[in-house]
C-alpha atoms as a PDB file:
ATOM      1  CA  UNK A   1     -67.965 -47.842 -65.974  1.00  0.00           C
ATOM      2  CA  UNK A   2     -68.590 -51.194 -64.594  1.00  0.00           C
ATOM      3  CA  UNK A   3     -72.237 -52.334 -63.927  1.00  0.00           C
ATOM      4  CA  UNK A   4     -73.026 -55.677 -61.937  1.00  0.00           C
ATOM      5  CA  UNK A   5     -76.380 -57.210 -61.324  1.00  0.00           C
ATOM      6  CA  UNK A   6     -77.737 -60.243 -59.622  1.00  0.00           C
ATOM      7  CA  UNK A   7     -79.706 -60.972 -62.568  1.00  0.00           C
ATOM      8  CA  UNK A   8     -77.022 -61.108 -65.520  1.00  0.00           C
ATOM      9  CA  UNK A   9     -79.772 -60.715 -68.471  1.00  0.00           C
ATOM     10  CA  UNK A  10     -80.799 -57.469 -66.948  1.00  0.00           C
ATOM     11  CA  UNK A  11     -77.188 -56.301 -66.506  1.00  0.00           C
ATOM     12  CA  UNK A  12     -76.228 -57.321 -70.049  1.00  0.00           C
ATOM     13  CA  UNK A  13     -79.290 -55.461 -71.479  1.00  0.00           C
ATOM     14  CA  UNK A  14     -78.727 -52.393 -69.364  1.00  0.00           C
ATOM     15  CA  UNK A  15     -74.763 -52.622 -70.215  1.00  0.00           C
ATOM     16  CA  UNK A  16     -75.672 -52.899 -74.000  1.00  0.00           C
ATOM     17  CA  UNK A  17     -77.961 -49.907 -74.014  1.00  0.00           C
ATOM     18  CA  UNK A  18     -75.505 -47.674 -72.274  1.00  0.00           C
ATOM     19  CA  UNK A  19     -72.400 -48.885 -74.085  1.00  0.00           C
ATOM     20  CA  UNK A  20     -74.135 -48.825 -77.617  1.00  0.00           C
ATOM     21  CA  UNK A  21     -75.740 -45.526 -77.212  1.00  0.00           C
ATOM     22  CA  UNK A  22     -72.642 -43.507 -78.120  1.00  0.00           C
ATOM     23  CA  UNK A  23     -72.040 -46.021 -80.979  1.00  0.00           C
ATOM     24  CA  UNK A  24     -75.238 -45.950 -82.725  1.00  0.00           C
ATOM     25  CA  UNK A  25     -73.654 -45.611 -86.189  1.00  0.00           C
ATOM     26  CA  UNK A  26     -71.333 -48.665 -85.508  1.00  0.00           C
ATOM     27  CA  UNK A  27     -72.066 -51.490 -87.833  1.00  0.00           C
ATOM     28  CA  UNK A  28     -70.831 -54.226 -85.780  1.00  0.00           C
ATOM     29  CA  UNK A  29     -72.626 -53.835 -82.616  1.00  0.00           C
ATOM     30  CA  UNK A  30     -72.516 -57.496 -81.533  1.00  0.00           C
ATOM     31  CA  UNK A  31     -68.679 -57.446 -81.393  1.00  0.00           C
ATOM     32  CA  UNK A  32     -68.639 -54.053 -79.860  1.00  0.00           C
ATOM     33  CA  UNK A  33     -70.880 -55.493 -76.959  1.00  0.00           C
ATOM     34  CA  UNK A  34     -68.709 -58.556 -76.528  1.00  0.00           C
ATOM     35  CA  UNK A  35     -65.717 -56.691 -76.143  1.00  0.00           C
ATOM     36  CA  UNK A  36     -67.424 -54.217 -73.638  1.00  0.00           C
ATOM     37  CA  UNK A  37     -68.975 -57.348 -71.614  1.00  0.00           C
ATOM     38  CA  UNK A  38     -65.425 -59.209 -71.656  1.00  0.00           C
ATOM     39  CA  UNK A  39     -63.652 -56.032 -70.049  1.00  0.00           C
ATOM     40  CA  UNK A  40     -66.449 -55.249 -67.486  1.00  0.00           C
ATOM     41  CA  UNK A  41     -67.621 -58.480 -66.251  1.00  0.00           C
ATOM     42  CA  UNK A  42     -65.977 -59.699 -63.098  1.00  0.00           C
ATOM     43  CA  UNK A  43     -63.415 -62.411 -63.788  1.00  0.00           C
ATOM     44  CA  UNK A  44     -62.814 -66.006 -62.223  1.00  0.00           C
ATOM     45  CA  UNK A  45     -59.893 -64.424 -60.082  1.00  0.00           C
ATOM     46  CA  UNK A  46     -61.884 -61.683 -58.617  1.00  0.00           C
ATOM     47  CA  UNK A  47     -64.626 -63.750 -57.315  1.00  0.00           C
ATOM     48  CA  UNK A  48     -64.379 -64.479 -53.483  1.00  0.00           C
ATOM     49  CA  UNK A  49     -65.239 -67.877 -51.795  1.00  0.00           C
ATOM     50  CA  UNK A  50     -65.037 -69.624 -48.633  1.00  0.00           C
ATOM     51  CA  UNK A  51     -63.164 -73.008 -48.335  1.00  0.00           C
ATOM     52  CA  UNK A  52     -62.932 -75.108 -45.190  1.00  0.00           C
ATOM     53  CA  UNK A  53     -59.220 -76.407 -44.827  1.00  0.00           C
ATOM     54  CA  UNK A  54     -58.786 -79.560 -42.635  1.00  0.00           C
ATOM     55  CA  UNK A  55     -55.144 -80.119 -41.547  1.00  0.00           C
ATOM     56  CA  UNK A  56     -54.298 -83.712 -41.386  1.00  0.00           C
ATOM     57  CA  UNK A  57     -50.703 -83.869 -40.450  1.00  0.00           C
ATOM     58  CA  UNK A  58     -49.274 -86.363 -37.834  1.00  0.00           C
ATOM     59  CA  UNK A  59     -45.969 -86.317 -36.111  1.00  0.00           C
ATOM     60  CA  UNK A  60     -44.941 -89.164 -38.145  1.00  0.00           C
ATOM     61  CA  UNK A  61     -45.281 -87.103 -41.376  1.00  0.00           C
ATOM     62  CA  UNK A  62     -42.781 -84.513 -39.859  1.00  0.00           C
ATOM     63  CA  UNK A  63     -40.052 -86.980 -39.432  1.00  0.00           C
ATOM     64  CA  UNK A  64     -36.826 -86.646 -41.475  1.00  0.00           C
ATOM     65  CA  UNK A  65     -34.664 -89.829 -41.963  1.00  0.00           C
ATOM     66  CA  UNK A  66     -30.975 -88.760 -42.266  1.00  0.00           C
ATOM     67  CA  UNK A  67     -28.454 -90.536 -40.020  1.00  0.00           C
ATOM     68  CA  UNK A  68     -31.394 -91.396 -37.795  1.00  0.00           C
ATOM     69  CA  UNK A  69     -34.853 -90.060 -37.487  1.00  0.00           C
ATOM     70  CA  UNK A  70     -35.314 -86.315 -36.590  1.00  0.00           C
ATOM     71  CA  UNK A  71     -38.322 -84.272 -35.894  1.00  0.00           C
ATOM     72  CA  UNK A  72     -38.219 -80.647 -36.373  1.00  0.00           C
ATOM     73  CA  UNK A  73     -37.809 -78.172 -33.312  1.00  0.00           C
ATOM     74  CA  UNK A  74     -40.757 -76.179 -34.535  1.00  0.00           C
ATOM     75  CA  UNK A  75     -42.860 -76.459 -37.704  1.00  0.00           C
ATOM     76  CA  UNK A  76     -45.847 -74.433 -38.900  1.00  0.00           C
ATOM     77  CA  UNK A  77     -48.064 -74.453 -41.926  1.00  0.00           C
ATOM     78  CA  UNK A  78     -50.220 -71.316 -42.910  1.00  0.00           C
ATOM     79  CA  UNK A  79     -52.542 -70.622 -45.942  1.00  0.00           C
ATOM     80  CA  UNK A  80     -52.703 -66.927 -47.458  1.00  0.00           C
ATOM     81  CA  UNK A  81     -56.023 -65.483 -47.536  1.00  0.00           C
ATOM     82  CA  UNK A  82     -54.674 -62.478 -49.446  1.00  0.00           C
ATOM     83  CA  UNK A  83     -51.217 -60.962 -50.088  1.00  0.00           C
ATOM     84  CA  UNK A  84     -51.170 -59.367 -46.364  1.00  0.00           C
ATOM     85  CA  UNK A  85     -53.069 -61.832 -44.439  1.00  0.00           C
ATOM     86  CA  UNK A  86     -52.398 -65.575 -43.562  1.00  0.00           C
ATOM     87  CA  UNK A  87     -54.291 -68.023 -41.240  1.00  0.00           C
ATOM     88  CA  UNK A  88     -52.045 -70.706 -39.534  1.00  0.00           C
ATOM     89  CA  UNK A  89     -53.335 -74.201 -40.243  1.00  0.00           C
ATOM     90  CA  UNK A  90     -51.045 -76.193 -38.183  1.00  0.00           C
ATOM     91  CA  UNK A  91     -47.999 -75.737 -35.642  1.00  0.00           C
ATOM     92  CA  UNK A  92     -45.784 -78.171 -33.825  1.00  0.00           C
ATOM     93  CA  UNK A  93     -43.251 -77.738 -31.149  1.00  0.00           C
ATOM     94  CA  UNK A  94     -41.021 -80.508 -30.305  1.00  0.00           C
ATOM     95  CA  UNK A  95     -40.314 -79.019 -26.869  1.00  0.00           C
ATOM     96  CA  UNK A  96     -44.047 -79.424 -25.704  1.00  0.00           C
ATOM     97  CA  UNK A  97     -44.164 -82.505 -27.979  1.00  0.00           C
ATOM     98  CA  UNK A  98     -47.673 -81.715 -29.259  1.00  0.00           C
ATOM     99  CA  UNK A  99     -49.269 -80.251 -32.504  1.00  0.00           C
ATOM    100  CA  UNK A 100     -51.486 -77.173 -32.171  1.00  0.00           C
ATOM    101  CA  UNK A 101     -54.237 -75.597 -34.191  1.00  0.00           C
ATOM    102  CA  UNK A 102     -55.081 -78.728 -36.326  1.00  0.00           C
ATOM    103  CA  UNK A 103     -58.720 -77.894 -36.284  1.00  0.00           C
ATOM    104  CA  UNK A 104     -60.706 -77.092 -39.525  1.00  0.00           C
ATOM    105  CA  UNK A 105     -60.418 -73.587 -40.484  1.00  0.00           C
ATOM    106  CA  UNK A 106     -62.515 -71.468 -42.849  1.00  0.00           C
ATOM    107  CA  UNK A 107     -60.394 -69.567 -45.377  1.00  0.00           C
ATOM    108  CA  UNK A 108     -61.628 -66.666 -47.654  1.00  0.00           C
ATOM    109  CA  UNK A 109     -59.980 -67.140 -51.234  1.00  0.00           C
ATOM    110  CA  UNK A 110     -59.901 -64.836 -54.127  1.00  0.00           C
ATOM    111  CA  UNK A 111     -60.008 -67.091 -57.166  1.00  0.00           C
ATOM    112  CA  UNK A 112     -58.856 -70.493 -57.572  1.00  0.00           C
ATOM    113  CA  UNK A 113     -55.407 -70.377 -56.566  1.00  0.00           C
ATOM    114  CA  UNK A 114     -54.080 -71.231 -53.015  1.00  0.00           C
ATOM    115  CA  UNK A 115     -50.922 -70.415 -51.605  1.00  0.00           C
ATOM    116  CA  UNK A 116     -49.393 -72.291 -48.559  1.00  0.00           C
ATOM    117  CA  UNK A 117     -46.442 -71.436 -46.585  1.00  0.00           C
ATOM    118  CA  UNK A 118     -44.593 -73.725 -44.320  1.00  0.00           C
ATOM    119  CA  UNK A 119     -41.586 -73.257 -41.810  1.00  0.00           C
ATOM    120  CA  UNK A 120     -39.258 -75.629 -40.014  1.00  0.00           C
ATOM    121  CA  UNK A 121     -36.345 -75.546 -37.841  1.00  0.00           C
ATOM    122  CA  UNK A 122     -34.056 -78.438 -36.957  1.00  0.00           C
ATOM    123  CA  UNK A 123     -31.101 -78.660 -34.738  1.00  0.00           C
ATOM    124  CA  UNK A 124     -31.777 -75.570 -32.618  1.00  0.00           C
ATOM    125  CA  UNK A 125     -32.248 -73.363 -35.519  1.00  0.00           C
ATOM    126  CA  UNK A 126     -28.987 -74.440 -37.267  1.00  0.00           C
ATOM    127  CA  UNK A 127     -31.316 -75.651 -40.308  1.00  0.00           C
ATOM    128  CA  UNK A 128     -34.327 -73.474 -40.742  1.00  0.00           C
ATOM    129  CA  UNK A 129     -36.406 -72.482 -43.841  1.00  0.00           C
ATOM    130  CA  UNK A 130     -39.594 -70.968 -44.926  1.00  0.00           C
ATOM    131  CA  UNK A 131     -41.024 -72.353 -48.276  1.00  0.00           C
ATOM    132  CA  UNK A 132     -44.179 -71.462 -50.416  1.00  0.00           C
ATOM    133  CA  UNK A 133     -46.210 -73.653 -52.674  1.00  0.00           C
ATOM    134  CA  UNK A 134     -49.077 -72.876 -54.938  1.00  0.00           C
ATOM    135  CA  UNK A 135     -52.305 -74.901 -55.920  1.00  0.00           C
ATOM    136  CA  UNK A 136     -54.935 -74.494 -58.317  1.00  0.00           C
ATOM    137  CA  UNK A 137     -58.323 -75.363 -56.993  1.00  0.00           C
ATOM    138  CA  UNK A 138     -61.076 -76.929 -58.965  1.00  0.00           C
ATOM    139  CA  UNK A 139     -64.100 -74.401 -58.902  1.00  0.00           C
ATOM    140  CA  UNK A 140     -66.311 -76.457 -57.236  1.00  0.00           C
ATOM    141  CA  UNK A 141     -63.884 -77.332 -54.224  1.00  0.00           C
ATOM    142  CA  UNK A 142     -65.474 -76.623 -50.816  1.00  0.00           C
ATOM    143  CA  UNK A 143     -63.377 -78.669 -48.374  1.00  0.00           C
ATOM    144  CA  UNK A 144     -59.494 -79.356 -48.534  1.00  0.00           C
ATOM    145  CA  UNK A 145     -57.557 -81.890 -46.598  1.00  0.00           C
ATOM    146  CA  UNK A 146     -54.096 -80.766 -46.210  1.00  0.00           C
ATOM    147  CA  UNK A 147     -51.127 -83.023 -45.236  1.00  0.00           C
ATOM    148  CA  UNK A 148     -47.333 -82.889 -45.202  1.00  0.00           C
ATOM    149  CA  UNK A 149     -44.334 -85.078 -45.937  1.00  0.00           C
ATOM    150  CA  UNK A 150     -40.793 -84.324 -46.232  1.00  0.00           C
ATOM    151  CA  UNK A 151     -40.361 -87.428 -48.574  1.00  0.00           C
ATOM    152  CA  UNK A 152     -42.695 -85.992 -51.275  1.00  0.00           C
ATOM    153  CA  UNK A 153     -41.184 -83.480 -53.855  1.00  0.00           C
ATOM    154  CA  UNK A 154     -44.097 -80.978 -53.230  1.00  0.00           C
ATOM    155  CA  UNK A 155     -43.984 -81.365 -49.499  1.00  0.00           C
ATOM    156  CA  UNK A 156     -47.659 -80.003 -48.862  1.00  0.00           C
ATOM    157  CA  UNK A 157     -50.237 -82.518 -50.236  1.00  0.00           C
ATOM    158  CA  UNK A 158     -53.641 -81.313 -51.180  1.00  0.00           C
ATOM    159  CA  UNK A 159     -55.369 -84.244 -53.052  1.00  0.00           C
ATOM    160  CA  UNK A 160     -58.451 -81.898 -54.283  1.00  0.00           C
ATOM    161  CA  UNK A 161     -56.010 -79.429 -55.940  1.00  0.00           C
ATOM    162  CA  UNK A 162     -53.366 -79.497 -58.384  1.00  0.00           C
ATOM    163  CA  UNK A 163     -49.865 -78.381 -57.379  1.00  0.00           C
ATOM    164  CA  UNK A 164     -48.487 -75.667 -59.461  1.00  0.00           C
ATOM    165  CA  UNK A 165     -44.663 -75.859 -58.942  1.00  0.00           C
ATOM    166  CA  UNK A 166     -41.869 -74.838 -58.153  1.00  0.00           C
ATOM    167  CA  UNK A 167     -41.533 -74.540 -54.389  1.00  0.00           C
ATOM    168  CA  UNK A 168     -40.323 -71.213 -53.518  1.00  0.00           C
ATOM    169  CA  UNK A 169     -38.225 -69.793 -50.624  1.00  0.00           C
ATOM    170  CA  UNK A 170     -39.714 -67.048 -48.629  1.00  0.00           C
ATOM    171  CA  UNK A 171     -37.099 -64.723 -46.719  1.00  0.00           C
END
């Protein structure tokens, strides 16, 4: 049974009364209460919050220098809100010669971990991949600035967050 209250003191008092009632003969009530509170209080991973993500990606950052300078045919960057839902932060289409969706986006997150997927395609699809990177956010972060560079090891750059490697390939 889980009880949550806005006033944590009221919740703990009621929780202690409910959980200690069957255990009145228990000699170590304080330890018993601590174990109950630890198992029934919401964890940091389950707390939802909203973060503003500002993509700051330029065409120059998408350049790859290999036997000349090349831009991807297509490029996209998306952030995962949960396991089944993504929000696109940025997309680029070389044929249209423009970047799309570069406005700030409100993202609902669970906990402090953020997952970013990026996809690219070079040489009319001959070289393409989708990759996933993870970051750990500080608990007070409200605004994130996201940039990208093929020359950096982690590719996706979020100065306000700590990279949690490695980069994963997504099928």
